[in-house]
Amino acid sequence: MAQGHKFQDLKEMGEALVEYINSSQPDQLKQVIDEHQTLFDQHIQTKTIVTQILKDVAQIEESAGQRLMDMEEEKKEREKELDSLEEQLRQCIAKSQITDSELQFLQRELENLRNSDHELETLQNEVDEDTTEIIPSAVYVAQVFYLITKIKWEYDTEPNILKGVHYGADLATPININTSMQSRCDISDQLWDYVSPKW
């Protein structure tokens, strides 16, 4: 608006200049020329200032636009990083769930092994008790049988085969009986025949 007024003033000064020239008044003409020059100088100065302001505004706009583009690019990079982190988090959660499942499975297996170990320990204790009680008595019974019958048995024979040696007063007699070929009664009678009535 101020610039429009100055152009109006310039126009008016031009018209006044023409009027003074026509009236041929040199003093007034010189005054008009000076005023016109002053107005022209002010116009040039104003134009220079406005041009500089427009350049500064353009530079500020360009700088702001560049910063906005940089911020948009940085925002996209951050979004990519966020997506990557979210994917890594999902994978970690999935791995954690798998690990938890495996851990629960291993804990159950460990508990089963502990129970089996406890059962084996209990069974071992029972076997130890049976061994402590039964084997000595079986050895004692075998010794009594030997003292009575004088027969020493072989225990690593095939099934249905009785093997041993009868140690008589004068002679050792081998025993080899197939139990599948004879009745129990016959086998018993045959073995009692080895036993001396003087035992």
Protein backbone atom coordinates (compact mmCIF):
# COMPACT_ATOMS: atom_id res chain seq x y z
CA MET A 1 0.00 0.00 0.00
CA ALA A 2 2.82 2.42 0.90
CA GLN A 3 4.50 1.64 -2.38
CA GLY A 4 1.23 2.44 -4.24
CA HIS A 5 1.10 5.85 -2.53
CA LYS A 6 4.68 6.54 -3.57
CA PHE A 7 3.89 5.74 -7.17
CA GLN A 8 0.88 8.07 -6.92
CA ASP A 9 3.17 10.73 -5.49
CA LEU A 10 5.62 10.10 -8.33
CA LYS A 11 2.82 10.50 -10.87
CA GLU A 12 1.70 13.69 -9.25
CA MET A 13 5.23 15.00 -9.20
CA GLY A 14 5.58 14.15 -12.90
CA GLU A 15 2.41 16.06 -13.70
CA ALA A 16 3.60 18.98 -11.61
CA LEU A 17 6.91 18.84 -13.43
CA VAL A 18 5.21 19.06 -16.80
CA GLU A 19 3.07 21.95 -15.55
CA TYR A 20 6.14 23.81 -14.27
CA ILE A 21 7.99 23.24 -17.49
CA ASN A 22 5.05 24.66 -19.38
CA SER A 23 4.89 27.70 -17.11
CA SER A 24 8.69 28.21 -17.58
CA GLN A 25 9.50 28.88 -13.94
CA PRO A 26 13.13 27.65 -13.47
CA ASP A 27 13.23 27.85 -9.65
CA GLN A 28 10.10 25.87 -9.26
CA LEU A 29 11.34 23.49 -11.96
CA LYS A 30 14.61 22.86 -10.07
CA GLN A 31 12.64 22.27 -6.87
CA VAL A 32 10.41 19.78 -8.66
CA ILE A 33 13.44 18.00 -10.17
CA ASP A 34 15.04 17.73 -6.69
CA GLU A 35 11.87 16.40 -5.18
CA HIS A 36 11.49 14.00 -8.08
CA GLN A 37 15.10 12.76 -7.61
CA THR A 38 14.54 12.33 -3.87
CA LEU A 39 11.37 10.37 -4.53
CA PHE A 40 13.18 8.25 -7.14
CA ASP A 41 16.04 7.53 -4.70
CA GLN A 42 13.52 6.53 -2.03
CA HIS A 43 11.81 4.27 -4.56
CA ILE A 44 15.12 2.56 -5.46
CA GLN A 45 16.01 2.14 -1.79
CA THR A 46 12.56 0.72 -1.01
CA LYS A 47 12.81 -1.63 -4.00
CA THR A 48 16.25 -2.82 -2.82
CA ILE A 49 14.93 -3.42 0.74
CA VAL A 50 11.82 -5.25 -0.53
CA THR A 51 13.95 -7.37 -2.90
CA GLN A 52 16.26 -8.32 -0.03
CA ILE A 53 13.28 -9.14 2.19
CA LEU A 54 11.81 -11.33 -0.54
CA LYS A 55 15.16 -13.10 -0.99
CA ASP A 56 15.43 -13.65 2.77
CA VAL A 57 11.86 -14.99 2.89
CA ALA A 58 12.59 -17.32 -0.05
CA GLN A 59 15.77 -18.53 1.64
CA ILE A 60 13.90 -19.09 4.92
CA GLU A 61 11.16 -20.98 3.07
CA GLU A 62 13.74 -23.10 1.25
CA SER A 63 15.58 -23.83 4.50
CA ALA A 64 12.31 -24.67 6.27
CA GLY A 65 11.26 -26.90 3.35
CA GLN A 66 14.61 -28.72 3.44
CA ARG A 67 14.32 -29.21 7.19
CA LEU A 68 10.76 -30.48 6.74
CA MET A 69 11.96 -32.97 4.09
CA ASP A 70 14.82 -34.06 6.36
CA MET A 71 12.38 -34.53 9.24
CA GLU A 72 10.07 -36.58 7.01
CA GLU A 73 13.00 -38.77 5.94
CA GLU A 74 14.09 -39.18 9.56
CA LYS A 75 10.50 -40.02 10.51
CA LYS A 76 10.43 -42.76 7.83
CA GLU A 77 13.75 -44.16 9.12
CA ARG A 78 12.45 -44.15 12.69
CA GLU A 79 9.27 -45.92 11.56
CA LYS A 80 11.39 -48.59 9.82
CA GLU A 81 13.48 -48.99 12.99
CA LEU A 82 10.29 -49.23 15.05
CA ASP A 83 8.86 -51.88 12.70
CA SER A 84 12.13 -53.81 12.91
CA LEU A 85 12.14 -53.61 16.71
CA GLU A 86 8.51 -54.74 16.86
CA GLU A 87 9.36 -57.72 14.61
CA GLN A 88 12.34 -58.59 16.82
CA LEU A 89 10.08 -58.30 19.87
CA ARG A 90 7.52 -60.66 18.29
CA GLN A 91 10.29 -63.15 17.48
CA CYS A 92 11.68 -62.90 21.01
CA ILE A 93 8.20 -63.45 22.48
CA ALA A 94 7.72 -66.50 20.22
CA LYS A 95 11.14 -67.87 21.20
CA SER A 96 10.37 -67.19 24.84
CA GLN A 97 7.09 -69.11 24.57
CA ILE A 98 8.90 -72.02 22.87
CA THR A 99 11.60 -71.91 25.54
CA ASP A 100 8.95 -71.86 28.28
CA SER A 101 7.25 -74.89 26.71
CA GLU A 102 10.57 -76.71 26.41
CA LEU A 103 11.42 -75.77 29.99
CA GLN A 104 8.08 -77.13 31.23
CA PHE A 105 8.63 -80.32 29.22
CA LEU A 106 12.14 -80.72 30.65
CA GLN A 107 10.85 -80.06 34.17
CA ARG A 108 8.23 -82.79 33.69
CA GLU A 109 10.90 -85.15 32.32
CA LEU A 110 13.14 -84.32 35.28
CA GLU A 111 10.28 -84.99 37.68
CA ASN A 112 9.57 -88.29 35.92
CA LEU A 113 13.24 -89.23 36.16
CA ARG A 114 13.27 -88.32 39.84
CA ASN A 115 10.18 -90.47 40.39
CA SER A 116 11.79 -93.32 38.42
CA ASP A 117 14.99 -92.89 40.40
CA HIS A 118 13.00 -92.97 43.63
CA GLU A 119 11.17 -96.10 42.48
CA LEU A 120 14.48 -97.72 41.50
CA GLU A 121 15.95 -96.78 44.84
CA THR A 122 12.93 -98.26 46.63
CA LEU A 123 13.19 -101.40 44.49
CA GLN A 124 16.94 -101.61 45.16
CA ASN A 125 16.28 -101.35 48.89
CA GLU A 126 13.70 -104.12 48.63
CA VAL A 127 16.14 -106.26 46.61
CA ASP A 128 18.88 -105.55 49.15
CA GLU A 129 16.55 -106.59 51.96
CA ASP A 130 15.53 -109.75 50.08
CA THR A 131 19.16 -110.50 49.28
CA THR A 132 20.14 -109.97 52.87
CA GLU A 133 17.37 -112.22 54.14
CA ILE A 134 16.87 -114.83 51.39
CA ILE A 135 20.35 -115.53 49.99
CA PRO A 136 21.98 -116.40 53.31
CA SER A 137 19.06 -118.68 54.14
CA ALA A 138 19.25 -120.25 50.66
CA VAL A 139 22.99 -120.79 51.16
CA TYR A 140 22.28 -122.31 54.55
CA VAL A 141 19.63 -124.62 53.04
CA ALA A 142 22.00 -125.65 50.23
CA GLN A 143 24.69 -126.43 52.77
CA VAL A 144 22.26 -128.53 54.80
CA PHE A 145 21.20 -130.39 51.64
CA TYR A 146 24.82 -131.03 50.78
CA LEU A 147 25.56 -132.34 54.26
CA ILE A 148 22.60 -134.70 54.00
CA THR A 149 22.80 -135.76 50.34
CA LYS A 150 26.49 -135.19 49.57
CA ILE A 151 25.32 -133.83 46.18
CA LYS A 152 26.88 -130.63 44.81
CA TRP A 153 24.70 -129.11 42.11
CA GLU A 154 25.65 -127.14 39.01
CA TYR A 155 23.39 -124.11 38.65
CA ASP A 156 24.32 -122.84 35.18
CA THR A 157 22.76 -125.73 33.26
CA GLU A 158 20.13 -125.66 30.54
CA PRO A 159 16.46 -125.75 31.54
CA ASN A 160 15.10 -129.25 32.34
CA ILE A 161 18.63 -130.56 33.02
CA LEU A 162 19.80 -131.49 36.53
CA LYS A 163 23.57 -131.71 36.78
CA GLY A 164 25.76 -132.28 39.75
CA VAL A 165 28.12 -134.70 41.49
CA HIS A 166 27.35 -137.09 44.35
CA TYR A 167 30.33 -137.49 46.63
CA GLY A 168 29.92 -140.95 48.14
CA ALA A 169 32.20 -142.53 50.75
CA ASP A 170 34.41 -144.17 48.17
CA LEU A 171 33.36 -142.75 44.78
CA ALA A 172 32.18 -139.48 43.19
CA THR A 173 29.26 -140.10 40.83
CA PRO A 174 28.15 -137.57 38.21
CA ILE A 175 24.43 -136.82 37.97
CA ASN A 176 22.81 -135.79 34.66
CA ILE A 177 19.02 -136.05 34.55
CA ASN A 178 16.66 -134.69 31.89
CA THR A 179 13.57 -133.67 33.87
CA SER A 180 11.40 -133.50 30.75
CA MET A 181 11.93 -137.24 30.14
CA GLN A 182 10.93 -138.51 33.63
CA SER A 183 8.28 -137.84 36.19
CA ARG A 184 9.05 -135.93 39.35
CA CYS A 185 8.44 -139.00 41.43
CA ASP A 186 10.99 -141.04 39.45
CA ILE A 187 13.53 -138.21 39.69
CA SER A 188 12.98 -137.95 43.44
CA ASP A 189 13.40 -141.70 43.90
CA GLN A 190 16.54 -141.70 41.79
CA LEU A 191 18.09 -138.89 43.83
CA TRP A 192 17.17 -140.51 47.16
CA ASP A 193 19.02 -143.61 46.01
CA TYR A 194 22.24 -141.58 46.25
CA VAL A 195 21.62 -140.62 49.84
CA SER A 196 23.17 -142.91 52.45
CA PRO A 197 20.78 -144.03 55.21
CA LYS A 198 23.50 -143.21 57.71
CA TRP A 199 23.34 -139.47 57.29
